[in-house]
Amino acid sequence: MACDGSDIASEYEKSSSLQKEHGLALISDLSIKTGYKILDLGCGTGFLSKELATVVGPEGCVVALDNDANRLRVARSIYSAGNLNFVEGRCEDPLPEEGYDLILSNYVFQWIERMDLVFKNVYKSLKDGGNFAFLTVAPYDIVDTYFTPSSMFSQEFQSHLLEKLHFKEDKELKRLASDSHFVLISFEKGEKQMTLENIDGLIQFLTVSAYRGKTFDDSHFNRSEMVRHFGKGKIVINYPIFKAVFTKKLLKMT
């Protein structure tokens, strides 16, 4: 049975433990202060946004942006705080408000093609001396990791997921940041590991990840082929990440 957008959003909240764990680690590295004004780009169902609102306290505020109305509905129903505001919008479009101390994003930018627009928008919306921090999936072989043999998934599902991914190499991300006048503070390359309970967990993860406005029913997944390839037990996936922090320095007038 196919799920609608509301169902997918609810499943995302239940199955996003990896994003939550790594997002909390990202926050802990940033020395966020009470009173900060923060923008969370691609907030999903709001877990990290609520944590940020707690960290900055009532003197600060968090604006949480996502382009999925269903995920925002889930976020508003679960997480609420006087200093937390959920807003629908895209990272590629002008961002809500300006003067942020910090703009951050967790596991979002692998889905965005026009990162040049994101960097420009973020730079404009930061205060002088404000930071831009993100964690994103680095380029790796999706076909070999998930879709080999190809008989495990329908061609339609594979094509949809691959068309929505827009990995960027580290050199390209640094160039785009420099073009928008950012100054690099840190850029780390690393590897993360994801453990899924079984093939149902894998299907759930890929379905939620691939949603982007399109749902897929069980006819797109060949469970017998998946069991033959992955087995019936836990599935461990290793994947590369980039974690970066840039800062907006005041440009000197000449």
C-alpha atoms as a PDB file:
ATOM      1  CA  MET A   1       0.000   0.000   0.000  1.00  0.00           C
ATOM      2  CA  ALA A   2       1.349   3.414  -0.948  1.00  0.00           C
ATOM      3  CA  CYS A   3       1.740   6.039   1.769  1.00  0.00           C
ATOM      4  CA  ASP A   4       0.792   9.673   1.298  1.00  0.00           C
ATOM      5  CA  GLY A   5       2.944  12.632   2.250  1.00  0.00           C
ATOM      6  CA  SER A   6       1.624  12.777   5.821  1.00  0.00           C
ATOM      7  CA  ASP A   7       2.434   9.105   6.370  1.00  0.00           C
ATOM      8  CA  ILE A   8       5.921   9.570   4.934  1.00  0.00           C
ATOM      9  CA  ALA A   9       6.537  12.543   7.222  1.00  0.00           C
ATOM     10  CA  SER A  10       5.482  10.521  10.271  1.00  0.00           C
ATOM     11  CA  GLU A  11       7.711   7.644   9.202  1.00  0.00           C
ATOM     12  CA  TYR A  12      10.587  10.075   8.756  1.00  0.00           C
ATOM     13  CA  GLU A  13      10.224  11.242  12.355  1.00  0.00           C
ATOM     14  CA  LYS A  14      10.299   7.622  13.545  1.00  0.00           C
ATOM     15  CA  SER A  15      13.192   6.494  11.368  1.00  0.00           C
ATOM     16  CA  SER A  16      15.522   9.506  11.512  1.00  0.00           C
ATOM     17  CA  SER A  17      17.560   8.426  14.549  1.00  0.00           C
ATOM     18  CA  LEU A  18      20.772   8.643  12.523  1.00  0.00           C
ATOM     19  CA  GLN A  19      20.132  12.237  11.517  1.00  0.00           C
ATOM     20  CA  LYS A  20      19.230  13.099  15.112  1.00  0.00           C
ATOM     21  CA  GLU A  21      22.384  11.511  16.546  1.00  0.00           C
ATOM     22  CA  HIS A  22      24.726  13.171  14.060  1.00  0.00           C
ATOM     23  CA  GLY A  23      22.869  16.469  14.312  1.00  0.00           C
ATOM     24  CA  LEU A  24      23.365  16.540  18.078  1.00  0.00           C
ATOM     25  CA  ALA A  25      27.072  15.891  17.549  1.00  0.00           C
ATOM     26  CA  LEU A  26      27.208  18.783  15.074  1.00  0.00           C
ATOM     27  CA  ILE A  27      25.568  21.102  17.610  1.00  0.00           C
ATOM     28  CA  SER A  28      28.001  20.088  20.340  1.00  0.00           C
ATOM     29  CA  ASP A  29      30.950  21.097  18.122  1.00  0.00           C
ATOM     30  CA  LEU A  30      29.699  24.642  17.482  1.00  0.00           C
ATOM     31  CA  SER A  31      29.966  26.395  20.881  1.00  0.00           C
ATOM     32  CA  ILE A  32      26.461  27.834  20.567  1.00  0.00           C
ATOM     33  CA  LYS A  33      25.746  30.569  23.081  1.00  0.00           C
ATOM     34  CA  THR A  34      22.618  31.588  24.961  1.00  0.00           C
ATOM     35  CA  GLY A  35      20.810  34.313  23.053  1.00  0.00           C
ATOM     36  CA  TYR A  36      21.910  33.213  19.589  1.00  0.00           C
ATOM     37  CA  LYS A  37      19.617  33.696  16.604  1.00  0.00           C
ATOM     38  CA  ILE A  38      19.800  30.509  14.510  1.00  0.00           C
ATOM     39  CA  LEU A  39      18.370  29.294  11.208  1.00  0.00           C
ATOM     40  CA  ASP A  40      17.996  25.522  10.743  1.00  0.00           C
ATOM     41  CA  LEU A  41      17.963  24.783   6.995  1.00  0.00           C
ATOM     42  CA  GLY A  42      16.015  21.660   6.039  1.00  0.00           C
ATOM     43  CA  CYS A  43      14.671  21.079   9.539  1.00  0.00           C
ATOM     44  CA  GLY A  44      12.553  18.050   8.617  1.00  0.00           C
ATOM     45  CA  THR A  45      10.275  17.126  11.509  1.00  0.00           C
ATOM     46  CA  GLY A  46      11.991  19.496  13.909  1.00  0.00           C
ATOM     47  CA  PHE A  47      13.998  17.429  16.397  1.00  0.00           C
ATOM     48  CA  LEU A  48      17.243  19.350  15.928  1.00  0.00           C
ATOM     49  CA  SER A  49      15.405  22.676  15.822  1.00  0.00           C
ATOM     50  CA  LYS A  50      13.893  22.013  19.242  1.00  0.00           C
ATOM     51  CA  GLU A  51      17.316  21.096  20.626  1.00  0.00           C
ATOM     52  CA  LEU A  52      18.727  24.331  19.253  1.00  0.00           C
ATOM     53  CA  ALA A  53      15.872  26.308  20.835  1.00  0.00           C
ATOM     54  CA  THR A  54      16.731  24.741  24.185  1.00  0.00           C
ATOM     55  CA  VAL A  55      20.429  25.605  23.816  1.00  0.00           C
ATOM     56  CA  VAL A  56      19.879  29.286  22.936  1.00  0.00           C
ATOM     57  CA  GLY A  57      17.307  29.696  25.677  1.00  0.00           C
ATOM     58  CA  PRO A  58      14.431  32.187  25.843  1.00  0.00           C
ATOM     59  CA  GLU A  59      16.808  35.057  25.053  1.00  0.00           C
ATOM     60  CA  GLY A  60      17.564  33.495  21.673  1.00  0.00           C
ATOM     61  CA  CYS A  61      15.430  32.237  18.809  1.00  0.00           C
ATOM     62  CA  VAL A  62      15.429  29.524  16.177  1.00  0.00           C
ATOM     63  CA  VAL A  63      13.814  29.708  12.740  1.00  0.00           C
ATOM     64  CA  ALA A  64      13.364  26.235  11.241  1.00  0.00           C
ATOM     65  CA  LEU A  65      12.931  26.036   7.457  1.00  0.00           C
ATOM     66  CA  ASP A  66      11.750  23.101   5.352  1.00  0.00           C
ATOM     67  CA  ASN A  67      10.112  22.767   1.932  1.00  0.00           C
ATOM     68  CA  ASP A  68       7.855  19.853   2.968  1.00  0.00           C
ATOM     69  CA  ALA A  69       4.553  21.010   4.465  1.00  0.00           C
ATOM     70  CA  ASN A  70       3.802  17.536   5.823  1.00  0.00           C
ATOM     71  CA  ARG A  71       7.058  17.370   7.788  1.00  0.00           C
ATOM     72  CA  LEU A  72       6.386  20.835   9.162  1.00  0.00           C
ATOM     73  CA  ARG A  73       2.934  19.743  10.320  1.00  0.00           C
ATOM     74  CA  VAL A  74       4.532  16.869  12.211  1.00  0.00           C
ATOM     75  CA  ALA A  75       7.159  19.231  13.642  1.00  0.00           C
ATOM     76  CA  ARG A  76       4.578  21.708  14.911  1.00  0.00           C
ATOM     77  CA  SER A  77       2.518  18.905  16.475  1.00  0.00           C
ATOM     78  CA  ILE A  78       5.477  17.453  18.402  1.00  0.00           C
ATOM     79  CA  TYR A  79       7.856  20.310  19.174  1.00  0.00           C
ATOM     80  CA  SER A  80       6.796  23.678  20.453  1.00  0.00           C
ATOM     81  CA  ALA A  81       8.617  26.522  22.169  1.00  0.00           C
ATOM     82  CA  GLY A  82       8.151  30.251  22.389  1.00  0.00           C
ATOM     83  CA  ASN A  83      11.497  30.838  20.703  1.00  0.00           C
ATOM     84  CA  LEU A  84      10.971  28.327  17.850  1.00  0.00           C
ATOM     85  CA  ASN A  85       9.269  29.176  14.563  1.00  0.00           C
ATOM     86  CA  PHE A  86       8.716  26.649  11.752  1.00  0.00           C
ATOM     87  CA  VAL A  87       8.609  28.169   8.265  1.00  0.00           C
ATOM     88  CA  GLU A  88       7.907  26.579   4.880  1.00  0.00           C
ATOM     89  CA  GLY A  89      10.420  27.446   2.187  1.00  0.00           C
ATOM     90  CA  ARG A  90      13.404  26.365   0.101  1.00  0.00           C
ATOM     91  CA  CYS A  91      17.087  26.861   0.818  1.00  0.00           C
ATOM     92  CA  GLU A  92      17.570  28.087  -2.754  1.00  0.00           C
ATOM     93  CA  ASP A  93      15.145  30.995  -2.255  1.00  0.00           C
ATOM     94  CA  PRO A  94      15.674  34.164  -0.173  1.00  0.00           C
ATOM     95  CA  LEU A  95      15.758  33.106   3.467  1.00  0.00           C
ATOM     96  CA  PRO A  96      13.422  34.332   6.203  1.00  0.00           C
ATOM     97  CA  GLU A  97      14.892  37.231   8.164  1.00  0.00           C
ATOM     98  CA  GLU A  98      18.551  38.225   8.510  1.00  0.00           C
ATOM     99  CA  GLY A  99      21.097  38.837  11.262  1.00  0.00           C
ATOM    100  CA  TYR A 100      21.633  35.195  12.226  1.00  0.00           C
ATOM    101  CA  ASP A 101      24.527  34.247  14.473  1.00  0.00           C
ATOM    102  CA  LEU A 102      24.484  30.742  13.023  1.00  0.00           C
ATOM    103  CA  ILE A 103      22.896  29.002  10.057  1.00  0.00           C
ATOM    104  CA  LEU A 104      23.266  25.256   9.993  1.00  0.00           C
ATOM    105  CA  SER A 105      22.047  22.264   8.044  1.00  0.00           C
ATOM    106  CA  ASN A 106      22.155  18.556   8.762  1.00  0.00           C
ATOM    107  CA  TYR A 107      21.977  15.925   5.978  1.00  0.00           C
ATOM    108  CA  VAL A 108      20.216  18.197   3.479  1.00  0.00           C
ATOM    109  CA  PHE A 109      22.621  19.485   0.854  1.00  0.00           C
ATOM    110  CA  GLN A 110      23.042  16.159  -0.966  1.00  0.00           C
ATOM    111  CA  TRP A 111      19.487  16.823  -2.234  1.00  0.00           C
ATOM    112  CA  ILE A 112      20.125  20.364  -3.514  1.00  0.00           C
ATOM    113  CA  GLU A 113      21.377  21.053  -7.017  1.00  0.00           C
ATOM    114  CA  ARG A 114      21.863  24.851  -6.850  1.00  0.00           C
ATOM    115  CA  MET A 115      24.217  25.101  -3.910  1.00  0.00           C
ATOM    116  CA  ASP A 116      25.529  28.359  -5.349  1.00  0.00           C
ATOM    117  CA  LEU A 117      22.188  29.948  -4.467  1.00  0.00           C
ATOM    118  CA  VAL A 118      22.278  28.451  -0.984  1.00  0.00           C
ATOM    119  CA  PHE A 119      25.700  29.912  -0.222  1.00  0.00           C
ATOM    120  CA  LYS A 120      24.640  33.352  -1.492  1.00  0.00           C
ATOM    121  CA  ASN A 121      21.405  33.312   0.516  1.00  0.00           C
ATOM    122  CA  VAL A 122      23.136  32.154   3.671  1.00  0.00           C
ATOM    123  CA  TYR A 123      25.858  34.787   3.375  1.00  0.00           C
ATOM    124  CA  LYS A 124      23.250  37.534   2.985  1.00  0.00           C
ATOM    125  CA  SER A 125      21.260  36.319   6.003  1.00  0.00           C
ATOM    126  CA  LEU A 126      24.178  35.964   8.434  1.00  0.00           C
ATOM    127  CA  LYS A 127      25.348  38.797  10.644  1.00  0.00           C
ATOM    128  CA  ASP A 128      28.975  39.868  10.255  1.00  0.00           C
ATOM    129  CA  GLY A 129      31.045  37.231  12.036  1.00  0.00           C
ATOM    130  CA  GLY A 130      28.212  34.704  11.867  1.00  0.00           C
ATOM    131  CA  ASN A 131      28.921  31.071  11.008  1.00  0.00           C
ATOM    132  CA  PHE A 132      27.536  28.624   8.454  1.00  0.00           C
ATOM    133  CA  ALA A 133      27.882  24.968   9.478  1.00  0.00           C
ATOM    134  CA  PHE A 134      26.679  21.847   7.733  1.00  0.00           C
ATOM    135  CA  LEU A 135      26.990  18.106   7.530  1.00  0.00           C
ATOM    136  CA  THR A 136      26.218  16.464   4.191  1.00  0.00           C
ATOM    137  CA  VAL A 137      26.695  13.129   2.476  1.00  0.00           C
ATOM    138  CA  ALA A 138      29.779  13.125   0.246  1.00  0.00           C
ATOM    139  CA  PRO A 139      29.829  11.494  -3.209  1.00  0.00           C
ATOM    140  CA  TYR A 140      29.772   7.700  -3.206  1.00  0.00           C
ATOM    141  CA  ASP A 141      28.488   4.864  -5.375  1.00  0.00           C
ATOM    142  CA  ILE A 142      24.766   4.655  -4.603  1.00  0.00           C
ATOM    143  CA  VAL A 143      24.164   2.052  -7.324  1.00  0.00           C
ATOM    144  CA  ASP A 144      26.797  -0.321  -5.975  1.00  0.00           C
ATOM    145  CA  THR A 145      25.690   0.212  -2.361  1.00  0.00           C
ATOM    146  CA  TYR A 146      21.928  -0.190  -2.747  1.00  0.00           C
ATOM    147  CA  PHE A 147      20.963  -1.162  -6.285  1.00  0.00           C
ATOM    148  CA  THR A 148      23.258  -4.055  -7.156  1.00  0.00           C
ATOM    149  CA  PRO A 149      21.801  -6.378  -8.294  1.00  0.00           C
ATOM    150  CA  SER A 150      19.326  -4.069  -9.976  1.00  0.00           C
ATOM    151  CA  SER A 151      16.529  -6.658  -9.713  1.00  0.00           C
ATOM    152  CA  MET A 152      16.000  -5.692  -6.030  1.00  0.00           C
ATOM    153  CA  PHE A 153      14.275  -2.407  -6.937  1.00  0.00           C
ATOM    154  CA  SER A 154      12.150  -1.191  -9.814  1.00  0.00           C
ATOM    155  CA  GLN A 155      13.876   0.931 -12.419  1.00  0.00           C
ATOM    156  CA  GLU A 156      11.411   3.720 -11.681  1.00  0.00           C
ATOM    157  CA  PHE A 157      12.408   3.802  -8.009  1.00  0.00           C
ATOM    158  CA  GLN A 158      16.127   3.714  -8.787  1.00  0.00           C
ATOM    159  CA  SER A 159      15.859   6.482 -11.366  1.00  0.00           C
ATOM    160  CA  HIS A 160      13.786   8.673  -9.070  1.00  0.00           C
ATOM    161  CA  LEU A 161      16.271   8.457  -6.199  1.00  0.00           C
ATOM    162  CA  LEU A 162      19.331   8.953  -8.385  1.00  0.00           C
ATOM    163  CA  GLU A 163      17.787  11.965 -10.135  1.00  0.00           C
ATOM    164  CA  LYS A 164      17.109  13.658  -6.785  1.00  0.00           C
ATOM    165  CA  LEU A 165      20.665  13.310  -5.468  1.00  0.00           C
ATOM    166  CA  HIS A 166      23.162  16.076  -6.190  1.00  0.00           C
ATOM    167  CA  PHE A 167      26.439  15.180  -4.519  1.00  0.00           C
ATOM    168  CA  LYS A 168      29.157  17.829  -4.523  1.00  0.00           C
ATOM    169  CA  GLU A 169      32.892  17.226  -4.237  1.00  0.00           C
ATOM    170  CA  ASP A 170      34.773  19.020  -1.473  1.00  0.00           C
ATOM    171  CA  LYS A 171      36.599  21.266  -3.933  1.00  0.00           C
ATOM    172  CA  GLU A 172      33.317  22.417  -5.441  1.00  0.00           C
ATOM    173  CA  LEU A 173      31.779  23.208  -2.049  1.00  0.00           C
ATOM    174  CA  LYS A 174      34.853  25.208  -1.042  1.00  0.00           C
ATOM    175  CA  ARG A 175      34.827  27.085  -4.357  1.00  0.00           C
ATOM    176  CA  LEU A 176      31.141  27.961  -4.016  1.00  0.00           C
ATOM    177  CA  ALA A 177      31.749  29.187  -0.480  1.00  0.00           C
ATOM    178  CA  SER A 178      34.701  31.301  -1.589  1.00  0.00           C
ATOM    179  CA  ASP A 179      32.685  32.746  -4.486  1.00  0.00           C
ATOM    180  CA  SER A 180      30.149  33.966  -1.911  1.00  0.00           C
ATOM    181  CA  HIS A 181      32.957  35.549   0.185  1.00  0.00           C
ATOM    182  CA  PHE A 182      32.913  32.989   3.003  1.00  0.00           C
ATOM    183  CA  VAL A 183      36.084  32.281   4.957  1.00  0.00           C
ATOM    184  CA  LEU A 184      36.776  28.618   5.739  1.00  0.00           C
ATOM    185  CA  ILE A 185      37.074  27.686   9.412  1.00  0.00           C
ATOM    186  CA  SER A 186      37.107  23.904   9.112  1.00  0.00           C
ATOM    187  CA  PHE A 187      36.330  21.192   6.574  1.00  0.00           C
ATOM    188  CA  GLU A 188      36.393  17.547   7.604  1.00  0.00           C
ATOM    189  CA  LYS A 189      36.020  14.403   5.547  1.00  0.00           C
ATOM    190  CA  GLY A 190      34.810  11.365   7.434  1.00  0.00           C
ATOM    191  CA  GLU A 191      32.856   8.153   7.311  1.00  0.00           C
ATOM    192  CA  LYS A 192      29.615   7.287   9.070  1.00  0.00           C
ATOM    193  CA  GLN A 193      27.923   3.959   9.574  1.00  0.00           C
ATOM    194  CA  MET A 194      24.228   3.197   9.409  1.00  0.00           C
ATOM    195  CA  THR A 195      22.761  -0.010  10.812  1.00  0.00           C
ATOM    196  CA  LEU A 196      19.306  -1.095   9.667  1.00  0.00           C
ATOM    197  CA  GLU A 197      17.431  -3.898  11.416  1.00  0.00           C
ATOM    198  CA  ASN A 198      16.526  -5.820   8.255  1.00  0.00           C
ATOM    199  CA  ILE A 199      15.325  -5.326   4.686  1.00  0.00           C
ATOM    200  CA  ASP A 200      12.099  -3.731   5.912  1.00  0.00           C
ATOM    201  CA  GLY A 201      14.241  -1.111   7.619  1.00  0.00           C
ATOM    202  CA  LEU A 202      16.191  -0.620   4.407  1.00  0.00           C
ATOM    203  CA  ILE A 203      12.996  -0.197   2.387  1.00  0.00           C
ATOM    204  CA  GLN A 204      11.658   2.278   4.929  1.00  0.00           C
ATOM    205  CA  PHE A 205      14.885   4.284   4.899  1.00  0.00           C
ATOM    206  CA  LEU A 206      15.077   4.451   1.104  1.00  0.00           C
ATOM    207  CA  THR A 207      11.356   5.175   0.701  1.00  0.00           C
ATOM    208  CA  VAL A 208      11.454   8.058   3.168  1.00  0.00           C
ATOM    209  CA  SER A 209      14.687   9.364   1.643  1.00  0.00           C
ATOM    210  CA  ALA A 210      13.408   9.119  -1.922  1.00  0.00           C
ATOM    211  CA  TYR A 211       9.963  10.618  -1.224  1.00  0.00           C
ATOM    212  CA  ARG A 212      10.474  14.140  -2.638  1.00  0.00           C
ATOM    213  CA  GLY A 213       6.787  14.330  -3.546  1.00  0.00           C
ATOM    214  CA  LYS A 214       6.478  10.803  -4.962  1.00  0.00           C
ATOM    215  CA  THR A 215       5.426   7.646  -3.129  1.00  0.00           C
ATOM    216  CA  PHE A 216       6.211   4.018  -3.973  1.00  0.00           C
ATOM    217  CA  ASP A 217       4.213   0.916  -3.050  1.00  0.00           C
ATOM    218  CA  ASP A 218       5.523  -2.591  -2.406  1.00  0.00           C
ATOM    219  CA  SER A 219       5.534  -3.493  -6.089  1.00  0.00           C
ATOM    220  CA  HIS A 220       8.764  -1.486  -6.441  1.00  0.00           C
ATOM    221  CA  PHE A 221      10.676  -3.741  -4.024  1.00  0.00           C
ATOM    222  CA  ASN A 222      11.666  -7.362  -4.650  1.00  0.00           C
ATOM    223  CA  ARG A 223      12.017  -8.675  -1.098  1.00  0.00           C
ATOM    224  CA  SER A 224      13.190 -12.149  -2.073  1.00  0.00           C
ATOM    225  CA  GLU A 225      16.059 -10.654  -4.103  1.00  0.00           C
ATOM    226  CA  MET A 226      16.885  -8.309  -1.246  1.00  0.00           C
ATOM    227  CA  VAL A 227      17.035 -11.174   1.260  1.00  0.00           C
ATOM    228  CA  ARG A 228      19.240 -13.115  -1.143  1.00  0.00           C
ATOM    229  CA  HIS A 229      21.648 -10.165  -1.356  1.00  0.00           C
ATOM    230  CA  PHE A 230      21.521  -8.562   2.106  1.00  0.00           C
ATOM    231  CA  GLY A 231      20.369 -11.515   4.212  1.00  0.00           C
ATOM    232  CA  LYS A 232      17.596 -11.542   6.827  1.00  0.00           C
ATOM    233  CA  GLY A 233      19.486  -9.812   9.622  1.00  0.00           C
ATOM    234  CA  LYS A 234      20.988  -6.394  10.206  1.00  0.00           C
ATOM    235  CA  ILE A 235      22.292  -4.390   7.261  1.00  0.00           C
ATOM    236  CA  VAL A 236      25.338  -2.176   7.775  1.00  0.00           C
ATOM    237  CA  ILE A 237      25.961   0.673   5.343  1.00  0.00           C
ATOM    238  CA  ASN A 238      29.125   2.791   5.391  1.00  0.00           C
ATOM    239  CA  TYR A 239      29.041   6.155   3.660  1.00  0.00           C
ATOM    240  CA  PRO A 240      31.276   9.283   3.451  1.00  0.00           C
ATOM    241  CA  ILE A 241      30.405  12.710   4.840  1.00  0.00           C
ATOM    242  CA  PHE A 242      31.648  16.273   4.753  1.00  0.00           C
ATOM    243  CA  LYS A 243      31.370  18.461   7.858  1.00  0.00           C
ATOM    244  CA  ALA A 244      32.165  22.126   7.296  1.00  0.00           C
ATOM    245  CA  VAL A 245      32.123  25.458   9.070  1.00  0.00           C
ATOM    246  CA  PHE A 246      32.481  28.793   7.249  1.00  0.00           C
ATOM    247  CA  THR A 247      32.298  32.314   8.609  1.00  0.00           C
ATOM    248  CA  LYS A 248      31.103  35.632   7.222  1.00  0.00           C
ATOM    249  CA  LYS A 249      33.809  38.223   7.608  1.00  0.00           C
ATOM    250  CA  LEU A 250      33.043  41.890   7.132  1.00  0.00           C
ATOM    251  CA  LEU A 251      34.395  42.989   3.763  1.00  0.00           C
ATOM    252  CA  LYS A 252      36.684  46.006   4.061  1.00  0.00           C
ATOM    253  CA  MET A 253      35.804  48.944   1.859  1.00  0.00           C
ATOM    254  CA  THR A 254      38.678  50.230  -0.277  1.00  0.00           C
END
